[in-house]
Amino acid sequence: MSSESLILGWEDHVDECESGYMDCIEEYDNDIYVRSAISRVLSDEQLAGMPEMAAFREKVEALDQRFRECLSDQPILPADKYPWWRVYPPRIGGEDLAADILRKYGVRIEVVRKYPRK
């Protein structure tokens, strides 16, 4: 994956979470994987010195800040074993995600309902 596709993937996920992630927990876990790929890029010592890494890091930090604002304050995974973006679920989501998080982790999130556009 290119750095641009990683940024676009992360931005798409953040956008979805800001308005309420509407898919199930399996899809959420799959979609959030892009942030793990970004983490590997950011920690790659060979890439660290490349000039474009500063702009990449800046974009990631801005998206990370937006994503942090989407998260619940109730952890679902241990913070000492998982990266921060996996520890907390989104604050709001569709019925499927909310039911999955409650069933799997015992944590409630706000349910939002979206209707198809006319």
PDB file of N, CA and C in Angstrom:
ATOM      1  N   MET A   1       0.836  -1.189   0.000  1.00  0.00           N
ATOM      2  CA  MET A   1       0.000   0.000   0.000  1.00  0.00           C
ATOM      3  C   MET A   1       0.879   1.250   0.000  1.00  0.00           C
ATOM      4  N   SER A   2       0.456   2.239  -0.739  1.00  0.00           N
ATOM      5  CA  SER A   2       1.186   3.497  -0.752  1.00  0.00           C
ATOM      6  C   SER A   2       0.820   4.318   0.473  1.00  0.00           C
ATOM      7  N   SER A   3       1.654   5.301   0.778  1.00  0.00           N
ATOM      8  CA  SER A   3       1.353   6.160   1.926  1.00  0.00           C
ATOM      9  C   SER A   3       0.035   6.906   1.711  1.00  0.00           C
ATOM     10  N   GLU A   4      -0.234   7.278   0.461  1.00  0.00           N
ATOM     11  CA  GLU A   4      -1.481   7.982   0.162  1.00  0.00           C
ATOM     12  C   GLU A   4      -2.691   7.078   0.375  1.00  0.00           C
ATOM     13  N   SER A   5      -2.588   5.818  -0.023  1.00  0.00           N
ATOM     14  CA  SER A   5      -3.723   4.911   0.178  1.00  0.00           C
ATOM     15  C   SER A   5      -3.936   4.613   1.663  1.00  0.00           C
ATOM     16  N   LEU A   6      -2.848   4.581   2.439  1.00  0.00           N
ATOM     17  CA  LEU A   6      -2.993   4.407   3.887  1.00  0.00           C
ATOM     18  C   LEU A   6      -3.722   5.594   4.506  1.00  0.00           C
ATOM     19  N   ILE A   7      -3.333   6.790   4.106  1.00  0.00           N
ATOM     20  CA  ILE A   7      -3.993   8.001   4.617  1.00  0.00           C
ATOM     21  C   ILE A   7      -5.465   8.012   4.213  1.00  0.00           C
ATOM     22  N   LEU A   8      -5.755   7.693   2.964  1.00  0.00           N
ATOM     23  CA  LEU A   8      -7.143   7.694   2.500  1.00  0.00           C
ATOM     24  C   LEU A   8      -7.970   6.639   3.231  1.00  0.00           C
ATOM     25  N   GLY A   9      -7.396   5.473   3.464  1.00  0.00           N
ATOM     26  CA  GLY A   9      -8.098   4.431   4.195  1.00  0.00           C
ATOM     27  C   GLY A   9      -8.388   4.835   5.625  1.00  0.00           C
ATOM     28  N   TRP A  10      -7.414   5.452   6.284  1.00  0.00           N
ATOM     29  CA  TRP A  10      -7.589   5.903   7.668  1.00  0.00           C
ATOM     30  C   TRP A  10      -8.605   7.035   7.718  1.00  0.00           C
ATOM     31  N   GLU A  11      -8.521   7.946   6.762  1.00  0.00           N
ATOM     32  CA  GLU A  11      -9.470   9.061   6.730  1.00  0.00           C
ATOM     33  C   GLU A  11     -10.894   8.553   6.509  1.00  0.00           C
ATOM     34  N   ASP A  12     -11.074   7.583   5.623  1.00  0.00           N
ATOM     35  CA  ASP A  12     -12.408   7.013   5.401  1.00  0.00           C
ATOM     36  C   ASP A  12     -12.958   6.408   6.690  1.00  0.00           C
ATOM     37  N   HIS A  13     -12.104   5.677   7.404  1.00  0.00           N
ATOM     38  CA  HIS A  13     -12.543   5.049   8.651  1.00  0.00           C
ATOM     39  C   HIS A  13     -12.909   6.108   9.698  1.00  0.00           C
ATOM     40  N   VAL A  14     -12.085   7.121   9.821  1.00  0.00           N
ATOM     41  CA  VAL A  14     -12.360   8.200  10.775  1.00  0.00           C
ATOM     42  C   VAL A  14     -13.670   8.905  10.415  1.00  0.00           C
ATOM     43  N   ASP A  15     -13.863   9.194   9.133  1.00  0.00           N
ATOM     44  CA  ASP A  15     -15.115   9.827   8.687  1.00  0.00           C
ATOM     45  C   ASP A  15     -16.321   8.991   9.091  1.00  0.00           C
ATOM     46  N   GLU A  16     -16.244   7.681   8.869  1.00  0.00           N
ATOM     47  CA  GLU A  16     -17.354   6.793   9.220  1.00  0.00           C
ATOM     48  C   GLU A  16     -17.616   6.811  10.727  1.00  0.00           C
ATOM     49  N   CYS A  17     -16.556   6.805  11.511  1.00  0.00           N
ATOM     50  CA  CYS A  17     -16.717   6.782  12.968  1.00  0.00           C
ATOM     51  C   CYS A  17     -17.275   8.091  13.503  1.00  0.00           C
ATOM     52  N   GLU A  18     -16.960   9.196  12.848  1.00  0.00           N
ATOM     53  CA  GLU A  18     -17.480  10.490  13.302  1.00  0.00           C
ATOM     54  C   GLU A  18     -19.003  10.552  13.190  1.00  0.00           C
ATOM     55  N   SER A  19     -19.546   9.914  12.185  1.00  0.00           N
ATOM     56  CA  SER A  19     -20.998   9.965  12.010  1.00  0.00           C
ATOM     57  C   SER A  19     -21.695   8.719  12.547  1.00  0.00           C
ATOM     58  N   GLY A  20     -20.923   7.755  13.012  1.00  0.00           N
ATOM     59  CA  GLY A  20     -21.480   6.520  13.547  1.00  0.00           C
ATOM     60  C   GLY A  20     -21.171   5.363  12.629  1.00  0.00           C
ATOM     61  N   TYR A  21     -20.288   4.486  13.048  1.00  0.00           N
ATOM     62  CA  TYR A  21     -19.890   3.348  12.228  1.00  0.00           C
ATOM     63  C   TYR A  21     -21.074   2.399  12.089  1.00  0.00           C
ATOM     64  N   MET A  22     -21.450   2.073  10.865  1.00  0.00           N
ATOM     65  CA  MET A  22     -22.713   1.380  10.621  1.00  0.00           C
ATOM     66  C   MET A  22     -22.574  -0.113  10.321  1.00  0.00           C
ATOM     67  N   ASP A  23     -21.407  -0.661  10.419  1.00  0.00           N
ATOM     68  CA  ASP A  23     -21.237  -2.084  10.111  1.00  0.00           C
ATOM     69  C   ASP A  23     -21.024  -2.877  11.395  1.00  0.00           C
ATOM     70  N   CYS A  24     -20.736  -4.150  11.275  1.00  0.00           N
ATOM     71  CA  CYS A  24     -20.542  -5.036  12.430  1.00  0.00           C
ATOM     72  C   CYS A  24     -19.113  -4.942  12.975  1.00  0.00           C
ATOM     73  N   ILE A  25     -18.863  -5.593  14.099  1.00  0.00           N
ATOM     74  CA  ILE A  25     -17.554  -5.533  14.757  1.00  0.00           C
ATOM     75  C   ILE A  25     -16.457  -6.155  13.890  1.00  0.00           C
ATOM     76  N   GLU A  26     -16.793  -7.204  13.130  1.00  0.00           N
ATOM     77  CA  GLU A  26     -15.778  -7.826  12.272  1.00  0.00           C
ATOM     78  C   GLU A  26     -15.298  -6.849  11.200  1.00  0.00           C
ATOM     79  N   GLU A  27     -16.232  -6.114  10.607  1.00  0.00           N
ATOM     80  CA  GLU A  27     -15.856  -5.117   9.602  1.00  0.00           C
ATOM     81  C   GLU A  27     -15.096  -3.957  10.237  1.00  0.00           C
ATOM     82  N   TYR A  28     -15.513  -3.553  11.422  1.00  0.00           N
ATOM     83  CA  TYR A  28     -14.803  -2.491  12.142  1.00  0.00           C
ATOM     84  C   TYR A  28     -13.355  -2.910  12.381  1.00  0.00           C
ATOM     85  N   ASP A  29     -13.162  -4.133  12.876  1.00  0.00           N
ATOM     86  CA  ASP A  29     -11.805  -4.632  13.127  1.00  0.00           C
ATOM     87  C   ASP A  29     -10.992  -4.685  11.839  1.00  0.00           C
ATOM     88  N   ASN A  30     -11.624  -5.071  10.759  1.00  0.00           N
ATOM     89  CA  ASN A  30     -10.947  -5.116   9.465  1.00  0.00           C
ATOM     90  C   ASN A  30     -10.575  -3.705   9.002  1.00  0.00           C
ATOM     91  N   ASP A  31     -11.507  -2.774   9.136  1.00  0.00           N
ATOM     92  CA  ASP A  31     -11.265  -1.403   8.675  1.00  0.00           C
ATOM     93  C   ASP A  31     -10.212  -0.682   9.505  1.00  0.00           C
ATOM     94  N   ILE A  32     -10.146  -0.984  10.778  1.00  0.00           N
ATOM     95  CA  ILE A  32      -9.183  -0.288  11.637  1.00  0.00           C
ATOM     96  C   ILE A  32      -7.758  -0.839  11.444  1.00  0.00           C
ATOM     97  N   TYR A  33      -7.647  -1.944  10.743  1.00  0.00           N
ATOM     98  CA  TYR A  33      -6.332  -2.532  10.479  1.00  0.00           C
ATOM     99  C   TYR A  33      -5.407  -1.535   9.775  1.00  0.00           C
ATOM    100  N   VAL A  34      -5.981  -0.625   8.985  1.00  0.00           N
ATOM    101  CA  VAL A  34      -5.159   0.351   8.269  1.00  0.00           C
ATOM    102  C   VAL A  34      -4.302   1.167   9.241  1.00  0.00           C
ATOM    103  N   ARG A  35      -4.819   1.431  10.446  1.00  0.00           N
ATOM    104  CA  ARG A  35      -4.037   2.213  11.414  1.00  0.00           C
ATOM    105  C   ARG A  35      -2.841   1.408  11.894  1.00  0.00           C
ATOM    106  N   SER A  36      -2.978   0.098  11.976  1.00  0.00           N
ATOM    107  CA  SER A  36      -1.834  -0.751  12.342  1.00  0.00           C
ATOM    108  C   SER A  36      -0.777  -0.717  11.246  1.00  0.00           C
ATOM    109  N   ALA A  37      -1.209  -0.708   9.994  1.00  0.00           N
ATOM    110  CA  ALA A  37      -0.267  -0.598   8.874  1.00  0.00           C
ATOM    111  C   ALA A  37       0.455   0.745   8.923  1.00  0.00           C
ATOM    112  N   ILE A  38      -0.276   1.795   9.249  1.00  0.00           N
ATOM    113  CA  ILE A  38       0.336   3.126   9.386  1.00  0.00           C
ATOM    114  C   ILE A  38       1.370   3.108  10.500  1.00  0.00           C
ATOM    115  N   SER A  39       1.075   2.454  11.585  1.00  0.00           N
ATOM    116  CA  SER A  39       2.011   2.374  12.705  1.00  0.00           C
ATOM    117  C   SER A  39       3.327   1.712  12.280  1.00  0.00           C
ATOM    118  N   ARG A  40       3.205   0.679  11.477  1.00  0.00           N
ATOM    119  CA  ARG A  40       4.426   0.013  10.988  1.00  0.00           C
ATOM    120  C   ARG A  40       5.253   0.957  10.122  1.00  0.00           C
ATOM    121  N   VAL A  41       4.591   1.735   9.278  1.00  0.00           N
ATOM    122  CA  VAL A  41       5.305   2.712   8.442  1.00  0.00           C
ATOM    123  C   VAL A  41       5.987   3.755   9.321  1.00  0.00           C
ATOM    124  N   LEU A  42       5.268   4.266  10.319  1.00  0.00           N
ATOM    125  CA  LEU A  42       5.824   5.306  11.186  1.00  0.00           C
ATOM    126  C   LEU A  42       7.013   4.813  12.007  1.00  0.00           C
ATOM    127  N   SER A  43       7.063   3.536  12.295  1.00  0.00           N
ATOM    128  CA  SER A  43       8.164   3.013  13.116  1.00  0.00           C
ATOM    129  C   SER A  43       9.292   2.418  12.280  1.00  0.00           C
ATOM    130  N   ASP A  44       9.176   2.463  10.971  1.00  0.00           N
ATOM    131  CA  ASP A  44      10.214   1.933  10.080  1.00  0.00           C
ATOM    132  C   ASP A  44      11.394   2.902  10.034  1.00  0.00           C
ATOM    133  N   GLU A  45      12.520   2.473  10.547  1.00  0.00           N
ATOM    134  CA  GLU A  45      13.705   3.344  10.620  1.00  0.00           C
ATOM    135  C   GLU A  45      14.214   3.744   9.243  1.00  0.00           C
ATOM    136  N   GLN A  46      14.061   2.886   8.265  1.00  0.00           N
ATOM    137  CA  GLN A  46      14.519   3.214   6.910  1.00  0.00           C
ATOM    138  C   GLN A  46      13.681   4.326   6.275  1.00  0.00           C
ATOM    139  N   LEU A  47      12.414   4.386   6.640  1.00  0.00           N
ATOM    140  CA  LEU A  47      11.538   5.412   6.078  1.00  0.00           C
ATOM    141  C   LEU A  47      11.604   6.723   6.857  1.00  0.00           C
ATOM    142  N   ALA A  48      12.048   6.665   8.088  1.00  0.00           N
ATOM    143  CA  ALA A  48      12.027   7.830   8.977  1.00  0.00           C
ATOM    144  C   ALA A  48      12.733   9.053   8.392  1.00  0.00           C
ATOM    145  N   GLY A  49      13.815   8.860   7.676  1.00  0.00           N
ATOM    146  CA  GLY A  49      14.586   9.981   7.151  1.00  0.00           C
ATOM    147  C   GLY A  49      14.090  10.521   5.825  1.00  0.00           C
ATOM    148  N   MET A  50      13.089   9.904   5.257  1.00  0.00           N
ATOM    149  CA  MET A  50      12.598  10.366   3.952  1.00  0.00           C
ATOM    150  C   MET A  50      11.843  11.687   4.115  1.00  0.00           C
ATOM    151  N   PRO A  51      12.057  12.614   3.187  1.00  0.00           N
ATOM    152  CA  PRO A  51      11.437  13.943   3.300  1.00  0.00           C
ATOM    153  C   PRO A  51       9.916  13.912   3.388  1.00  0.00           C
ATOM    154  N   GLU A  52       9.271  13.000   2.682  1.00  0.00           N
ATOM    155  CA  GLU A  52       7.808  12.963   2.686  1.00  0.00           C
ATOM    156  C   GLU A  52       7.212  12.411   3.981  1.00  0.00           C
ATOM    157  N   MET A  53       8.054  11.850   4.839  1.00  0.00           N
ATOM    158  CA  MET A  53       7.558  11.297   6.096  1.00  0.00           C
ATOM    159  C   MET A  53       7.022  12.380   7.032  1.00  0.00           C
ATOM    160  N   ALA A  54       7.555  13.570   6.979  1.00  0.00           N
ATOM    161  CA  ALA A  54       7.059  14.651   7.839  1.00  0.00           C
ATOM    162  C   ALA A  54       5.604  14.973   7.505  1.00  0.00           C
ATOM    163  N   ALA A  55       5.301  15.077   6.225  1.00  0.00           N
ATOM    164  CA  ALA A  55       3.923  15.369   5.808  1.00  0.00           C
ATOM    165  C   ALA A  55       3.005  14.190   6.135  1.00  0.00           C
ATOM    166  N   PHE A  56       3.498  12.978   5.936  1.00  0.00           N
ATOM    167  CA  PHE A  56       2.724  11.777   6.261  1.00  0.00           C
ATOM    168  C   PHE A  56       2.394  11.754   7.745  1.00  0.00           C
ATOM    169  N   ARG A  57       3.402  11.969   8.572  1.00  0.00           N
ATOM    170  CA  ARG A  57       3.209  11.964  10.023  1.00  0.00           C
ATOM    171  C   ARG A  57       2.210  13.052  10.446  1.00  0.00           C
ATOM    172  N   GLU A  58       2.299  14.207   9.839  1.00  0.00           N
ATOM    173  CA  GLU A  58       1.391  15.317  10.162  1.00  0.00           C
ATOM    174  C   GLU A  58      -0.062  14.955   9.829  1.00  0.00           C
ATOM    175  N   LYS A  59      -0.284  14.337   8.676  1.00  0.00           N
ATOM    176  CA  LYS A  59      -1.638  13.918   8.292  1.00  0.00           C
ATOM    177  C   LYS A  59      -2.168  12.860   9.254  1.00  0.00           C
ATOM    178  N   VAL A  60      -1.312  11.913   9.612  1.00  0.00           N
ATOM    179  CA  VAL A  60      -1.727  10.862  10.536  1.00  0.00           C
ATOM    180  C   VAL A  60      -2.093  11.460  11.893  1.00  0.00           C
ATOM    181  N   GLU A  61      -1.281  12.377  12.389  1.00  0.00           N
ATOM    182  CA  GLU A  61      -1.565  12.991  13.693  1.00  0.00           C
ATOM    183  C   GLU A  61      -2.898  13.725  13.691  1.00  0.00           C
ATOM    184  N   ALA A  62      -3.216  14.421  12.605  1.00  0.00           N
ATOM    185  CA  ALA A  62      -4.494  15.133  12.509  1.00  0.00           C
ATOM    186  C   ALA A  62      -5.660  14.141  12.495  1.00  0.00           C
ATOM    187  N   LEU A  63      -5.518  13.067  11.742  1.00  0.00           N
ATOM    188  CA  LEU A  63      -6.571  12.049  11.697  1.00  0.00           C
ATOM    189  C   LEU A  63      -6.690  11.322  13.037  1.00  0.00           C
ATOM    190  N   ASP A  64      -5.563  11.056  13.661  1.00  0.00           N
ATOM    191  CA  ASP A  64      -5.589  10.413  14.979  1.00  0.00           C
ATOM    192  C   ASP A  64      -6.349  11.260  15.993  1.00  0.00           C
ATOM    193  N   GLN A  65      -6.140  12.562  15.955  1.00  0.00           N
ATOM    194  CA  GLN A  65      -6.842  13.452  16.884  1.00  0.00           C
ATOM    195  C   GLN A  65      -8.347  13.384  16.643  1.00  0.00           C
ATOM    196  N   ARG A  66      -8.742  13.417  15.382  1.00  0.00           N
ATOM    197  CA  ARG A  66     -10.166  13.296  15.058  1.00  0.00           C
ATOM    198  C   ARG A  66     -10.710  11.960  15.543  1.00  0.00           C
ATOM    199  N   PHE A  67      -9.932  10.885  15.354  1.00  0.00           N
ATOM    200  CA  PHE A  67     -10.395   9.561  15.755  1.00  0.00           C
ATOM    201  C   PHE A  67     -10.524   9.445  17.267  1.00  0.00           C
ATOM    202  N   ARG A  68      -9.567   9.999  17.995  1.00  0.00           N
ATOM    203  CA  ARG A  68      -9.643   9.960  19.466  1.00  0.00           C
ATOM    204  C   ARG A  68     -10.940  10.593  19.971  1.00  0.00           C
ATOM    205  N   GLU A  69     -11.383  11.624  19.295  1.00  0.00           N
ATOM    206  CA  GLU A  69     -12.619  12.302  19.682  1.00  0.00           C
ATOM    207  C   GLU A  69     -13.855  11.448  19.417  1.00  0.00           C
ATOM    208  N   CYS A  70     -13.724  10.413  18.609  1.00  0.00           N
ATOM    209  CA  CYS A  70     -14.834   9.507  18.286  1.00  0.00           C
ATOM    210  C   CYS A  70     -14.948   8.355  19.272  1.00  0.00           C
ATOM    211  N   LEU A  71     -13.960   8.182  20.117  1.00  0.00           N
ATOM    212  CA  LEU A  71     -13.893   6.983  20.946  1.00  0.00           C
ATOM    213  C   LEU A  71     -14.615   7.123  22.275  1.00  0.00           C
ATOM    214  N   SER A  72     -15.136   6.003  22.721  1.00  0.00           N
ATOM    215  CA  SER A  72     -15.745   5.894  24.045  1.00  0.00           C
ATOM    216  C   SER A  72     -14.649   6.027  25.095  1.00  0.00           C
ATOM    217  N   ASP A  73     -15.034   6.327  26.317  1.00  0.00           N
ATOM    218  CA  ASP A  73     -14.044   6.358  27.399  1.00  0.00           C
ATOM    219  C   ASP A  73     -13.967   5.016  28.127  1.00  0.00           C
ATOM    220  N   GLN A  74     -14.705   4.020  27.645  1.00  0.00           N
ATOM    221  CA  GLN A  74     -14.704   2.693  28.263  1.00  0.00           C
ATOM    222  C   GLN A  74     -13.837   1.734  27.445  1.00  0.00           C
ATOM    223  N   PRO A  75     -12.765   1.243  28.012  1.00  0.00           N
ATOM    224  CA  PRO A  75     -11.900   0.330  27.263  1.00  0.00           C
ATOM    225  C   PRO A  75     -12.575  -1.015  27.031  1.00  0.00           C
ATOM    226  N   ILE A  76     -12.237  -1.633  25.900  1.00  0.00           N
ATOM    227  CA  ILE A  76     -12.720  -2.985  25.614  1.00  0.00           C
ATOM    228  C   ILE A  76     -11.570  -3.990  25.556  1.00  0.00           C
ATOM    229  N   LEU A  77     -10.357  -3.473  25.492  1.00  0.00           N
ATOM    230  CA  LEU A  77      -9.163  -4.317  25.463  1.00  0.00           C
ATOM    231  C   LEU A  77      -8.132  -3.723  26.412  1.00  0.00           C
ATOM    232  N   PRO A  78      -7.222  -4.550  26.933  1.00  0.00           N
ATOM    233  CA  PRO A  78      -6.209  -4.032  27.861  1.00  0.00           C
ATOM    234  C   PRO A  78      -5.216  -3.086  27.170  1.00  0.00           C
ATOM    235  N   ALA A  79      -5.055  -1.905  27.733  1.00  0.00           N
ATOM    236  CA  ALA A  79      -4.189  -0.876  27.150  1.00  0.00           C
ATOM    237  C   ALA A  79      -2.718  -1.283  27.144  1.00  0.00           C
ATOM    238  N   ASP A  80      -2.332  -2.206  27.999  1.00  0.00           N
ATOM    239  CA  ASP A  80      -0.927  -2.617  28.022  1.00  0.00           C
ATOM    240  C   ASP A  80      -0.610  -3.689  26.970  1.00  0.00           C
ATOM    241  N   LYS A  81      -1.633  -4.173  26.280  1.00  0.00           N
ATOM    242  CA  LYS A  81      -1.417  -5.230  25.284  1.00  0.00           C
ATOM    243  C   LYS A  81      -1.826  -4.833  23.874  1.00  0.00           C
ATOM    244  N   TYR A  82      -2.544  -3.729  23.737  1.00  0.00           N
ATOM    245  CA  TYR A  82      -3.061  -3.320  22.436  1.00  0.00           C
ATOM    246  C   TYR A  82      -2.751  -1.854  22.190  1.00  0.00           C
ATOM    247  N   PRO A  83      -2.641  -1.460  20.912  1.00  0.00           N
ATOM    248  CA  PRO A  83      -2.433  -0.038  20.605  1.00  0.00           C
ATOM    249  C   PRO A  83      -3.683   0.769  20.934  1.00  0.00           C
ATOM    250  N   TRP A  84      -3.496   2.046  21.190  1.00  0.00           N
ATOM    251  CA  TRP A  84      -4.593   2.897  21.655  1.00  0.00           C
ATOM    252  C   TRP A  84      -5.814   2.845  20.736  1.00  0.00           C
ATOM    253  N   TRP A  85      -5.637   2.706  19.446  1.00  0.00           N
ATOM    254  CA  TRP A  85      -6.773   2.733  18.525  1.00  0.00           C
ATOM    255  C   TRP A  85      -7.621   1.464  18.591  1.00  0.00           C
ATOM    256  N   ARG A  86      -7.119   0.430  19.271  1.00  0.00           N
ATOM    257  CA  ARG A  86      -7.889  -0.804  19.457  1.00  0.00           C
ATOM    258  C   ARG A  86      -8.513  -0.898  20.848  1.00  0.00           C
ATOM    259  N   VAL A  87      -7.999  -0.129  21.799  1.00  0.00           N
ATOM    260  CA  VAL A  87      -8.421  -0.257  23.205  1.00  0.00           C
ATOM    261  C   VAL A  87      -9.843   0.246  23.433  1.00  0.00           C
ATOM    262  N   TYR A  88     -10.230   1.305  22.772  1.00  0.00           N
ATOM    263  CA  TYR A  88     -11.535   1.930  22.997  1.00  0.00           C
ATOM    264  C   TYR A  88     -12.411   1.805  21.758  1.00  0.00           C
ATOM    265  N   PRO A  89     -13.687   1.477  21.937  1.00  0.00           N
ATOM    266  CA  PRO A  89     -14.593   1.399  20.786  1.00  0.00           C
ATOM    267  C   PRO A  89     -15.095   2.789  20.411  1.00  0.00           C
ATOM    268  N   PRO A  90     -15.719   2.903  19.250  1.00  0.00           N
ATOM    269  CA  PRO A  90     -16.331   4.193  18.921  1.00  0.00           C
ATOM    270  C   PRO A  90     -17.458   4.520  19.904  1.00  0.00           C
ATOM    271  N   ARG A  91     -17.680   5.794  20.124  1.00  0.00           N
ATOM    272  CA  ARG A  91     -18.754   6.252  21.016  1.00  0.00           C
ATOM    273  C   ARG A  91     -20.121   5.942  20.444  1.00  0.00           C
ATOM    274  N   ILE A  92     -20.234   6.065  19.113  1.00  0.00           N
ATOM    275  CA  ILE A  92     -21.518   5.876  18.443  1.00  0.00           C
ATOM    276  C   ILE A  92     -21.362   4.908  17.279  1.00  0.00           C
ATOM    277  N   GLY A  93     -22.425   4.197  17.003  1.00  0.00           N
ATOM    278  CA  GLY A  93     -22.407   3.261  15.889  1.00  0.00           C
ATOM    279  C   GLY A  93     -23.797   2.764  15.579  1.00  0.00           C
ATOM    280  N   GLY A  94     -23.881   2.005  14.528  1.00  0.00           N
ATOM    281  CA  GLY A  94     -25.152   1.412  14.137  1.00  0.00           C
ATOM    282  C   GLY A  94     -25.562   0.303  15.094  1.00  0.00           C
ATOM    283  N   GLU A  95     -26.751  -0.196  14.893  1.00  0.00           N
ATOM    284  CA  GLU A  95     -27.295  -1.229  15.776  1.00  0.00           C
ATOM    285  C   GLU A  95     -26.423  -2.478  15.813  1.00  0.00           C
ATOM    286  N   ASP A  96     -25.901  -2.895  14.657  1.00  0.00           N
ATOM    287  CA  ASP A  96     -25.066  -4.105  14.616  1.00  0.00           C
ATOM    288  C   ASP A  96     -23.801  -3.936  15.448  1.00  0.00           C
ATOM    289  N   LEU A  97     -23.117  -2.827  15.254  1.00  0.00           N
ATOM    290  CA  LEU A  97     -21.886  -2.598  16.004  1.00  0.00           C
ATOM    291  C   LEU A  97     -22.169  -2.502  17.501  1.00  0.00           C
ATOM    292  N   ALA A  98     -23.201  -1.768  17.855  1.00  0.00           N
ATOM    293  CA  ALA A  98     -23.538  -1.611  19.275  1.00  0.00           C
ATOM    294  C   ALA A  98     -23.857  -2.963  19.910  1.00  0.00           C
ATOM    295  N   ALA A  99     -24.618  -3.786  19.210  1.00  0.00           N
ATOM    296  CA  ALA A  99     -24.960  -5.114  19.739  1.00  0.00           C
ATOM    297  C   ALA A  99     -23.719  -5.995  19.848  1.00  0.00           C
ATOM    298  N   ASP A 100     -22.855  -5.936  18.846  1.00  0.00           N
ATOM    299  CA  ASP A 100     -21.627  -6.740  18.871  1.00  0.00           C
ATOM    300  C   ASP A 100     -20.714  -6.338  20.028  1.00  0.00           C
ATOM    301  N   ILE A 101     -20.549  -5.033  20.253  1.00  0.00           N
ATOM    302  CA  ILE A 101     -19.677  -4.555  21.322  1.00  0.00           C
ATOM    303  C   ILE A 101     -20.255  -4.926  22.683  1.00  0.00           C
ATOM    304  N   LEU A 102     -21.559  -4.800  22.828  1.00  0.00           N
ATOM    305  CA  LEU A 102     -22.194  -5.181  24.083  1.00  0.00           C
ATOM    306  C   LEU A 102     -22.043  -6.686  24.335  1.00  0.00           C
ATOM    307  N   ARG A 103     -22.297  -7.489  23.314  1.00  0.00           N
ATOM    308  CA  ARG A 103     -22.204  -8.937  23.453  1.00  0.00           C
ATOM    309  C   ARG A 103     -20.762  -9.388  23.710  1.00  0.00           C
ATOM    310  N   LYS A 104     -19.831  -8.845  22.968  1.00  0.00           N
ATOM    311  CA  LYS A 104     -18.441  -9.305  23.033  1.00  0.00           C
ATOM    312  C   LYS A 104     -17.671  -8.717  24.218  1.00  0.00           C
ATOM    313  N   TYR A 105     -17.959  -7.446  24.577  1.00  0.00           N
ATOM    314  CA  TYR A 105     -17.150  -6.751  25.583  1.00  0.00           C
ATOM    315  C   TYR A 105     -17.946  -6.240  26.783  1.00  0.00           C
ATOM    316  N   GLY A 106     -19.256  -6.277  26.701  1.00  0.00           N
ATOM    317  CA  GLY A 106     -20.069  -5.784  27.811  1.00  0.00           C
ATOM    318  C   GLY A 106     -20.096  -4.269  27.928  1.00  0.00           C
ATOM    319  N   VAL A 107     -19.798  -3.571  26.848  1.00  0.00           N
ATOM    320  CA  VAL A 107     -19.748  -2.106  26.836  1.00  0.00           C
ATOM    321  C   VAL A 107     -20.851  -1.588  25.923  1.00  0.00           C
ATOM    322  N   ARG A 108     -21.559  -0.566  26.394  1.00  0.00           N
ATOM    323  CA  ARG A 108     -22.629   0.048  25.592  1.00  0.00           C
ATOM    324  C   ARG A 108     -22.097   1.281  24.869  1.00  0.00           C
ATOM    325  N   ILE A 109     -22.508   1.391  23.609  1.00  0.00           N
ATOM    326  CA  ILE A 109     -22.233   2.612  22.850  1.00  0.00           C
ATOM    327  C   ILE A 109     -23.563   3.175  22.376  1.00  0.00           C
ATOM    328  N   GLU A 110     -23.560   4.446  22.040  1.00  0.00           N
ATOM    329  CA  GLU A 110     -24.779   5.094  21.555  1.00  0.00           C
ATOM    330  C   GLU A 110     -25.120   4.565  20.165  1.00  0.00           C
ATOM    331  N   VAL A 111     -26.388   4.263  19.961  1.00  0.00           N
ATOM    332  CA  VAL A 111     -26.849   3.761  18.669  1.00  0.00           C
ATOM    333  C   VAL A 111     -27.371   4.912  17.833  1.00  0.00           C
ATOM    334  N   VAL A 112     -26.907   4.979  16.596  1.00  0.00           N
ATOM    335  CA  VAL A 112     -27.433   5.943  15.637  1.00  0.00           C
ATOM    336  C   VAL A 112     -28.075   5.153  14.506  1.00  0.00           C
ATOM    337  N   ARG A 113     -29.125   5.708  13.985  1.00  0.00           N
ATOM    338  CA  ARG A 113     -29.805   5.068  12.857  1.00  0.00           C
ATOM    339  C   ARG A 113     -29.664   5.974  11.634  1.00  0.00           C
ATOM    340  N   LYS A 114     -29.292   5.364  10.553  1.00  0.00           N
ATOM    341  CA  LYS A 114     -29.189   6.122   9.300  1.00  0.00           C
ATOM    342  C   LYS A 114     -30.191   5.549   8.329  1.00  0.00           C
ATOM    343  N   TYR A 115     -30.776   6.416   7.586  1.00  0.00           N
ATOM    344  CA  TYR A 115     -31.758   6.002   6.597  1.00  0.00           C
ATOM    345  C   TYR A 115     -31.171   6.259   5.217  1.00  0.00           C
ATOM    346  N   PRO A 116     -31.516   5.414   4.262  1.00  0.00           N
ATOM    347  CA  PRO A 116     -30.994   5.621   2.906  1.00  0.00           C
ATOM    348  C   PRO A 116     -31.422   6.973   2.343  1.00  0.00           C
ATOM    349  N   ARG A 117     -30.535   7.560   1.570  1.00  0.00           N
ATOM    350  CA  ARG A 117     -30.861   8.843   0.934  1.00  0.00           C
ATOM    351  C   ARG A 117     -31.893   8.624  -0.156  1.00  0.00           C
ATOM    352  N   LYS A 118     -32.746   9.626  -0.340  1.00  0.00           N
ATOM    353  CA  LYS A 118     -33.784   9.515  -1.386  1.00  0.00           C
ATOM    354  C   LYS A 118     -33.282  10.075  -2.686  1.00  0.00           C
TER     355      LYS A 118
END
